[in-house]
Amino acid sequence: MSEFDTLARSITPDNRRAMILLEETSPELNKEQALDLVRQAIDGQVHFEILRDEYPAVVLIRLDREHVRDAVLKLSAKGYTKLKAVGPLKSGG
């Protein structure tokens, strides 16, 4: 099992925010570019935590539930393939 898979299995849903776990797909598709894409998708500030900084970096992004779909679609369309989205425990955002 890869480190990404281990991290994906260990994610505990947040009470209010959805999360996207993302691993860099290639050096060209890096964490900075991914965070910029998410900022564009949600038109705002992104809360994130870098879980692994060296390549391939892994980032945990926290955002309101209503923005997850747009963010995942934008990331997927750009070529990011190692993604896992987790919804919040409560329906509030």
Protein backbone atom coordinates (compact mmCIF):
# COMPACT_ATOMS: atom_id res chain seq x y z
CA MET A 1 0.00 0.00 0.00
CA SER A 2 1.34 3.42 -0.96
CA GLU A 3 1.80 6.23 1.55
CA PHE A 4 -1.03 8.12 -0.18
CA ASP A 5 -3.38 5.16 0.32
CA THR A 6 -2.36 4.91 3.98
CA LEU A 7 -3.02 8.62 4.48
CA ALA A 8 -6.34 8.38 2.63
CA ARG A 9 -7.48 5.59 4.94
CA SER A 10 -6.50 7.59 8.02
CA ILE A 11 -8.54 10.71 7.20
CA THR A 12 -11.15 11.45 9.83
CA PRO A 13 -14.04 13.58 8.53
CA ASP A 14 -14.20 17.10 9.92
CA ASN A 15 -17.35 18.32 11.68
CA ARG A 16 -17.93 21.23 9.28
CA ARG A 17 -15.50 21.21 6.37
CA ALA A 18 -14.99 18.83 3.49
CA MET A 19 -11.46 17.71 2.66
CA ILE A 20 -9.52 16.79 -0.43
CA LEU A 21 -6.38 14.71 -0.08
CA LEU A 22 -4.15 15.26 -3.11
CA GLU A 23 -0.83 13.81 -4.23
CA GLU A 24 1.29 15.47 -6.89
CA THR A 25 0.87 13.58 -10.16
CA SER A 26 4.12 14.78 -11.75
CA PRO A 27 6.70 17.51 -11.15
CA GLU A 28 4.74 19.71 -13.57
CA LEU A 29 1.49 19.12 -11.64
CA ASN A 30 2.81 20.27 -8.28
CA LYS A 31 1.14 21.24 -5.02
CA GLU A 32 1.42 24.98 -5.67
CA GLN A 33 -0.41 24.66 -8.98
CA ALA A 34 -3.04 22.43 -7.34
CA LEU A 35 -3.67 25.00 -4.60
CA ASP A 36 -3.98 27.75 -7.23
CA LEU A 37 -6.56 25.67 -9.11
CA VAL A 38 -8.58 25.16 -5.93
CA ARG A 39 -8.40 28.90 -5.17
CA GLN A 40 -9.79 29.58 -8.66
CA ALA A 41 -12.52 26.95 -8.24
CA ILE A 42 -13.76 28.37 -4.95
CA ASP A 43 -12.87 32.00 -5.67
CA GLY A 44 -11.29 32.44 -2.27
CA GLN A 45 -8.78 31.44 0.36
CA VAL A 46 -7.74 27.81 0.69
CA HIS A 47 -7.00 26.16 4.03
CA PHE A 48 -4.47 23.38 3.63
CA GLU A 49 -1.88 21.27 5.39
CA ILE A 50 1.17 19.79 3.69
CA LEU A 51 1.43 16.22 4.91
CA ARG A 52 4.51 15.37 2.83
CA ASP A 53 6.62 18.15 1.32
CA GLU A 54 9.05 16.18 -0.85
CA TYR A 55 7.97 14.84 -4.26
CA PRO A 56 5.40 13.50 -4.63
CA ALA A 57 4.00 15.95 -2.08
CA VAL A 58 0.70 15.22 -0.35
CA VAL A 59 -1.65 18.04 0.64
CA LEU A 60 -4.82 17.98 2.71
CA ILE A 61 -7.15 20.77 1.60
CA ARG A 62 -10.10 21.87 3.76
CA LEU A 63 -13.00 23.74 2.20
CA ASP A 64 -16.73 24.26 2.45
CA ARG A 65 -18.80 21.33 1.25
CA GLU A 66 -20.39 23.27 -1.59
CA HIS A 67 -16.95 23.85 -3.19
CA VAL A 68 -15.67 20.26 -3.24
CA ARG A 69 -17.25 19.23 -6.53
CA ASP A 70 -15.92 22.24 -8.46
CA ALA A 71 -12.46 21.88 -6.94
CA VAL A 72 -12.23 18.14 -7.74
CA LEU A 73 -13.48 18.69 -11.30
CA LYS A 74 -10.92 21.46 -11.89
CA LEU A 75 -8.08 19.35 -10.47
CA SER A 76 -9.12 16.27 -12.46
CA ALA A 77 -9.43 18.22 -15.69
CA LYS A 78 -5.89 19.55 -15.22
CA GLY A 79 -4.52 16.01 -14.76
CA TYR A 80 -4.40 15.40 -11.02
CA THR A 81 -5.41 11.77 -10.57
CA LYS A 82 -4.49 10.96 -6.97
CA LEU A 83 -7.38 12.58 -5.14
CA LYS A 84 -9.68 11.59 -2.32
CA ALA A 85 -12.57 13.79 -1.25
CA VAL A 86 -14.23 13.39 2.16
CA GLY A 87 -17.43 15.18 3.12
CA PRO A 88 -18.06 16.79 6.49
CA LEU A 89 -19.88 14.96 9.29
CA LYS A 90 -22.55 17.67 9.54
CA SER A 91 -24.43 19.28 6.69
CA GLY A 92 -23.40 22.83 7.67
CA GLY A 93 -20.56 24.60 5.86
